[in-house]
Amino acid sequence: MKKILIIVALAALIAGFFYFELGQYLTFEAIKSRVEGAQQTYRDNPILVIAVFSAIYVIVAAASLPGAALLTLAAGGLFGFVTGTIVVSFASTIGATVNFLAARTVLRDFFESKFGDWLKGINKGLERDGAFYLFTLRMVPAVPFFVINPVMGLTRIKTWTYVWVSQLGMLIGTAVYVNAGTAISSLESPEGIFTPPILLSFALLAIVPWIAKAVVAFIQRRKVYKGFNKPKTFDRNIVIIGGGAAGLVSAIIGSTVKAKVTLVEAHKMGGD
């Protein structure tokens, strides 16, 4: 019954979105006009406007409906950078978690019964590196979030881990989009998008994957070397395990270029 209710609710949301042509309200022109009209309402009753906006964002994210990116831009124009980033950060995480839990409730048992062996290996890896793996996906905007949410729901990653990693991982991308929205709200037409603030925002979007790569590499290095103290000096430049053909050649080349080499072999030299 729980699965049926979830399927019916999601189907109703998606059908209603397209039947009532709600996509027309998620265009640049529509977003801009409604942001301008809602600014006074926001000043008069900020709590109500934030609550309504957050509810709409959660529904869009939970049902994987198109328009989350434009709503993020709208948050920048309506709430400003700081408040907009906070609102979208929590609303997107809640919506993503609802989508994640829906996929887990409805589909996980089916997929585990059909692809149990395949999922077993994935779940084993996620049990060991789940937070790091999800954080990597969240930090790279090229990976669609509407794909990540249900796919992660099919795994055995813990819900709380999914929540806090998603919140943290999506924060940079959210901030960049909200920052773009603060400038878009003042444009007279879409052609005026190429203003210095907007160009800066899109430049930031372009370098986010590089920043993400550096952050992920740093975290990975910390994880690999956890529990080890880096020596101040090293006795050898190269340590080779195994005195086979490759090991012998490596040792010879290393010593030829004046490196300090140690070759470790338990039995006889020469694998070939």
Protein backbone atom coordinates (compact mmCIF):
# COMPACT_ATOMS: atom_id res chain seq x y z
CA MET A 1 0.00 0.00 0.00
CA LYS A 2 2.86 2.38 0.82
CA LYS A 3 4.42 1.76 -2.60
CA ILE A 4 1.11 2.31 -4.36
CA LEU A 5 0.50 5.60 -2.54
CA ILE A 6 3.97 6.88 -3.46
CA ILE A 7 3.53 5.91 -7.11
CA VAL A 8 0.10 7.53 -7.26
CA ALA A 9 1.32 10.73 -5.60
CA LEU A 10 4.31 11.10 -7.94
CA ALA A 11 2.22 10.25 -10.99
CA ALA A 12 -0.39 12.84 -9.95
CA LEU A 13 2.28 15.53 -9.50
CA ILE A 14 3.86 14.83 -12.88
CA ALA A 15 0.52 14.54 -14.68
CA GLY A 16 -0.76 17.75 -13.07
CA PHE A 17 2.42 19.61 -14.02
CA PHE A 18 1.99 18.81 -17.70
CA TYR A 19 -1.83 18.84 -17.83
CA PHE A 20 -2.09 22.33 -16.34
CA GLU A 21 0.95 23.46 -18.37
CA LEU A 22 2.74 24.69 -15.28
CA GLY A 23 5.99 24.74 -17.22
CA GLN A 24 4.94 28.11 -18.65
CA TYR A 25 5.57 29.61 -15.23
CA LEU A 26 9.18 28.38 -15.27
CA THR A 27 10.47 30.42 -18.19
CA PHE A 28 12.89 33.33 -17.95
CA GLU A 29 10.18 35.92 -18.58
CA ALA A 30 7.74 34.34 -16.14
CA ILE A 31 10.36 33.96 -13.42
CA LYS A 32 11.52 37.56 -13.83
CA SER A 33 8.02 39.04 -13.70
CA ARG A 34 7.02 36.99 -10.67
CA VAL A 35 10.22 37.79 -8.82
CA GLU A 36 9.60 41.50 -9.32
CA GLY A 37 5.98 41.13 -8.22
CA ALA A 38 6.82 39.02 -5.18
CA GLN A 39 9.52 41.29 -3.79
CA GLN A 40 7.05 43.57 -2.03
CA THR A 41 5.17 40.56 -0.66
CA TYR A 42 8.46 39.16 0.60
CA ARG A 43 9.26 42.43 2.37
CA ASP A 44 5.79 42.44 3.98
CA ASN A 45 5.73 38.75 4.95
CA PRO A 46 9.13 37.10 4.49
CA ILE A 47 8.32 33.91 6.41
CA LEU A 48 5.27 33.13 4.26
CA VAL A 49 7.08 33.75 0.98
CA ILE A 50 10.06 31.62 2.03
CA ALA A 51 7.72 28.82 3.14
CA VAL A 52 5.72 28.85 -0.13
CA PHE A 53 8.86 29.07 -2.27
CA SER A 54 10.51 26.23 -0.32
CA ALA A 55 7.41 24.04 -0.68
CA ILE A 56 7.34 24.58 -4.46
CA TYR A 57 11.07 23.84 -4.71
CA VAL A 58 10.73 20.65 -2.64
CA ILE A 59 7.89 19.41 -4.86
CA VAL A 60 9.83 20.14 -8.06
CA ALA A 61 12.94 18.38 -6.75
CA ALA A 62 11.05 15.46 -5.23
CA ALA A 63 9.13 14.72 -8.45
CA SER A 64 12.17 15.43 -10.71
CA LEU A 65 10.17 18.08 -12.55
CA PRO A 66 11.97 20.53 -14.87
CA GLY A 67 12.60 23.98 -13.45
CA ALA A 68 14.86 23.56 -10.40
CA ALA A 69 17.66 25.58 -12.02
CA LEU A 70 15.34 28.51 -12.83
CA LEU A 71 13.87 28.38 -9.32
CA THR A 72 17.41 28.65 -7.97
CA LEU A 73 17.96 31.75 -10.10
CA ALA A 74 14.64 33.11 -8.84
CA ALA A 75 15.79 32.63 -5.25
CA GLY A 76 18.74 34.89 -5.93
CA GLY A 77 16.55 37.61 -7.36
CA LEU A 78 13.91 37.34 -4.64
CA PHE A 79 15.87 36.69 -1.46
CA GLY A 80 19.39 37.87 -2.27
CA PHE A 81 22.56 35.84 -2.16
CA VAL A 82 22.80 34.76 1.49
CA THR A 83 19.12 34.04 2.20
CA GLY A 84 18.60 32.58 -1.27
CA THR A 85 21.51 30.18 -0.86
CA ILE A 86 20.24 29.01 2.53
CA VAL A 87 16.66 28.53 1.31
CA VAL A 88 17.63 26.63 -1.84
CA SER A 89 20.26 24.57 -0.03
CA PHE A 90 17.75 23.16 2.44
CA ALA A 91 14.83 22.92 -0.01
CA SER A 92 16.93 21.08 -2.60
CA THR A 93 18.26 18.66 0.00
CA ILE A 94 14.76 17.93 1.34
CA GLY A 95 13.40 17.41 -2.18
CA ALA A 96 16.33 15.19 -3.13
CA THR A 97 15.86 13.13 0.03
CA VAL A 98 12.14 12.63 -0.68
CA ASN A 99 13.01 11.43 -4.19
CA PHE A 100 15.74 9.19 -2.74
CA LEU A 101 13.36 7.62 -0.18
CA ALA A 102 10.60 7.17 -2.76
CA ALA A 103 12.95 5.25 -5.06
CA ARG A 104 14.21 3.20 -2.11
CA THR A 105 10.69 2.28 -0.97
CA VAL A 106 9.25 1.50 -4.40
CA LEU A 107 12.15 0.11 -6.42
CA ARG A 108 15.01 -1.16 -4.24
CA ASP A 109 13.52 -4.56 -3.38
CA PHE A 110 12.73 -5.19 -7.05
CA PHE A 111 16.23 -4.26 -8.23
CA GLU A 112 17.88 -6.30 -5.48
CA SER A 113 15.83 -9.35 -6.48
CA LYS A 114 16.79 -8.94 -10.14
CA PHE A 115 20.34 -7.58 -9.87
CA GLY A 116 21.36 -8.71 -6.39
CA ASP A 117 24.89 -9.82 -7.30
CA TRP A 118 25.59 -6.62 -9.20
CA LEU A 119 24.23 -4.41 -6.42
CA LYS A 120 26.09 -6.37 -3.76
CA GLY A 121 29.43 -5.15 -5.09
CA ILE A 122 28.17 -1.56 -5.32
CA ASN A 123 26.77 -1.67 -1.79
CA LYS A 124 30.05 -3.05 -0.48
CA GLY A 125 31.92 -0.15 -2.05
CA LEU A 126 29.37 2.37 -0.76
CA GLU A 127 29.62 0.91 2.74
CA ARG A 128 33.33 1.67 2.65
CA ASP A 129 33.41 4.91 0.61
CA GLY A 130 29.75 5.92 0.30
CA ALA A 131 30.06 9.45 1.66
CA PHE A 132 33.16 10.21 -0.41
CA TYR A 133 31.60 8.78 -3.60
CA LEU A 134 28.35 10.73 -3.18
CA PHE A 135 30.25 13.91 -2.33
CA THR A 136 32.20 13.54 -5.58
CA LEU A 137 28.98 13.27 -7.59
CA ARG A 138 27.40 16.23 -5.82
CA MET A 139 30.42 18.46 -6.36
CA VAL A 140 30.38 18.02 -10.16
CA PRO A 141 27.39 19.92 -11.70
CA ALA A 142 27.70 17.93 -14.95
CA VAL A 143 26.10 14.94 -13.19
CA PRO A 144 22.29 15.50 -13.16
CA PHE A 145 20.92 15.47 -9.63
CA PHE A 146 17.61 14.01 -10.80
CA VAL A 147 19.59 10.90 -11.77
CA ILE A 148 21.69 10.73 -8.60
CA ASN A 149 18.69 10.84 -6.25
CA PRO A 150 16.78 7.71 -7.37
CA VAL A 151 19.93 5.74 -8.22
CA MET A 152 21.36 6.25 -4.73
CA GLY A 153 17.98 5.20 -3.34
CA LEU A 154 18.54 1.75 -4.85
CA THR A 155 21.68 1.28 -2.77
CA ARG A 156 22.21 0.61 0.93
CA ILE A 157 23.73 3.99 1.77
CA LYS A 158 22.33 5.34 5.05
CA THR A 159 19.69 8.05 4.77
CA TRP A 160 21.44 10.42 7.21
CA THR A 161 24.72 10.05 5.29
CA TYR A 162 22.87 10.84 2.08
CA VAL A 163 21.30 13.95 3.64
CA TRP A 164 24.38 15.64 5.08
CA VAL A 165 26.66 14.76 2.17
CA SER A 166 24.08 16.07 -0.32
CA GLN A 167 23.65 19.26 1.69
CA LEU A 168 27.38 19.90 1.74
CA GLY A 169 28.13 18.70 -1.78
CA MET A 170 25.45 20.82 -3.51
CA LEU A 171 26.31 23.98 -1.60
CA ILE A 172 28.91 25.40 -4.01
CA GLY A 173 26.79 24.86 -7.12
CA THR A 174 23.75 26.32 -5.34
CA ALA A 175 25.67 29.44 -4.31
CA VAL A 176 26.89 30.02 -7.87
CA TYR A 177 23.38 29.73 -9.36
CA VAL A 178 21.87 31.97 -6.68
CA ASN A 179 24.59 34.53 -7.33
CA ALA A 180 23.68 34.48 -11.03
CA GLY A 181 20.03 35.00 -10.06
CA THR A 182 20.79 38.19 -8.14
CA ALA A 183 21.87 39.78 -11.44
CA ILE A 184 19.32 38.13 -13.72
CA SER A 185 16.47 39.66 -11.73
CA SER A 186 17.52 43.14 -12.87
CA LEU A 187 17.73 42.37 -16.60
CA GLU A 188 15.33 43.96 -19.08
CA SER A 189 15.56 41.05 -21.54
CA PRO A 190 17.35 37.72 -21.92
CA GLU A 191 19.76 39.41 -24.35
CA GLY A 192 21.10 41.50 -21.50
CA ILE A 193 22.38 38.43 -19.70
CA PHE A 194 26.00 39.08 -20.70
CA THR A 195 26.69 41.68 -18.03
CA PRO A 196 29.88 41.55 -15.92
CA PRO A 197 28.15 39.98 -12.86
CA ILE A 198 26.52 37.30 -15.01
CA LEU A 199 29.74 36.57 -16.88
CA LEU A 200 31.45 36.24 -13.51
CA SER A 201 28.75 33.85 -12.33
CA PHE A 202 29.07 31.63 -15.38
CA ALA A 203 32.86 31.78 -15.12
CA LEU A 204 32.47 30.47 -11.58
CA LEU A 205 30.22 27.71 -12.91
CA ALA A 206 32.94 26.77 -15.40
CA ILE A 207 35.60 26.41 -12.71
CA VAL A 208 33.41 24.61 -10.16
CA PRO A 209 34.39 21.16 -11.55
CA TRP A 210 38.08 22.10 -11.19
CA ILE A 211 37.53 23.31 -7.64
CA ALA A 212 35.58 20.12 -6.93
CA LYS A 213 38.38 18.00 -8.34
CA ALA A 214 40.95 19.72 -6.11
CA VAL A 215 38.74 19.35 -3.02
CA VAL A 216 38.03 15.68 -3.74
CA ALA A 217 41.73 14.97 -4.37
CA PHE A 218 42.61 16.63 -1.05
CA ILE A 219 40.01 14.57 0.84
CA GLN A 220 41.18 11.40 -0.88
CA ARG A 221 44.81 12.06 0.06
CA ARG A 222 43.79 12.66 3.66
CA LYS A 223 41.86 9.39 3.67
CA VAL A 224 44.69 7.35 2.11
CA TYR A 225 47.32 8.62 4.56
CA LYS A 226 45.09 8.55 7.64
CA GLY A 227 46.91 6.83 10.49
CA PHE A 228 50.35 7.30 8.93
CA ASN A 229 52.98 9.89 9.77
CA LYS A 230 54.96 11.19 6.83
CA PRO A 231 58.71 10.75 7.48
CA LYS A 232 60.85 13.85 7.44
CA THR A 233 63.40 12.04 5.26
CA PHE A 234 63.40 8.90 3.11
CA ASP A 235 66.13 6.24 2.96
CA ARG A 236 65.32 5.26 -0.63
CA ASN A 237 63.96 6.93 -3.75
CA ILE A 238 62.37 3.73 -5.06
CA VAL A 239 61.26 0.49 -3.40
CA ILE A 240 60.41 -2.31 -5.85
CA ILE A 241 58.30 -5.28 -4.76
CA GLY A 242 59.14 -8.37 -6.77
CA GLY A 243 62.30 -9.27 -8.67
CA GLY A 244 60.64 -10.37 -11.90
CA ALA A 245 61.36 -9.02 -15.36
CA ALA A 246 59.67 -5.67 -14.70
CA GLY A 247 61.16 -5.34 -11.22
CA LEU A 248 64.70 -6.05 -12.40
CA VAL A 249 64.45 -3.57 -15.29
CA SER A 250 62.99 -0.91 -12.97
CA ALA A 251 65.80 -1.44 -10.47
CA ILE A 252 68.49 -1.23 -13.17
CA ILE A 253 67.06 1.96 -14.69
CA GLY A 254 66.61 3.56 -11.27
CA SER A 255 70.17 2.81 -10.19
CA THR A 256 71.50 3.95 -13.58
CA VAL A 257 70.09 7.44 -12.98
CA LYS A 258 71.67 7.46 -9.49
CA ALA A 259 68.46 6.77 -7.51
CA LYS A 260 68.67 4.89 -4.21
CA VAL A 261 66.83 1.65 -5.00
CA THR A 262 65.74 -1.30 -2.84
CA LEU A 263 64.50 -4.46 -4.56
CA VAL A 264 62.44 -6.91 -2.48
CA GLU A 265 62.14 -10.54 -3.65
CA ALA A 266 61.16 -13.49 -1.47
CA HIS A 267 62.60 -16.26 -3.65
CA LYS A 268 64.33 -16.27 -7.05
CA MET A 269 65.02 -13.45 -9.48
CA GLY A 270 63.49 -13.34 -12.95
CA GLY A 271 59.79 -13.97 -13.41
CA ASP A 272 60.21 -15.05 -17.05
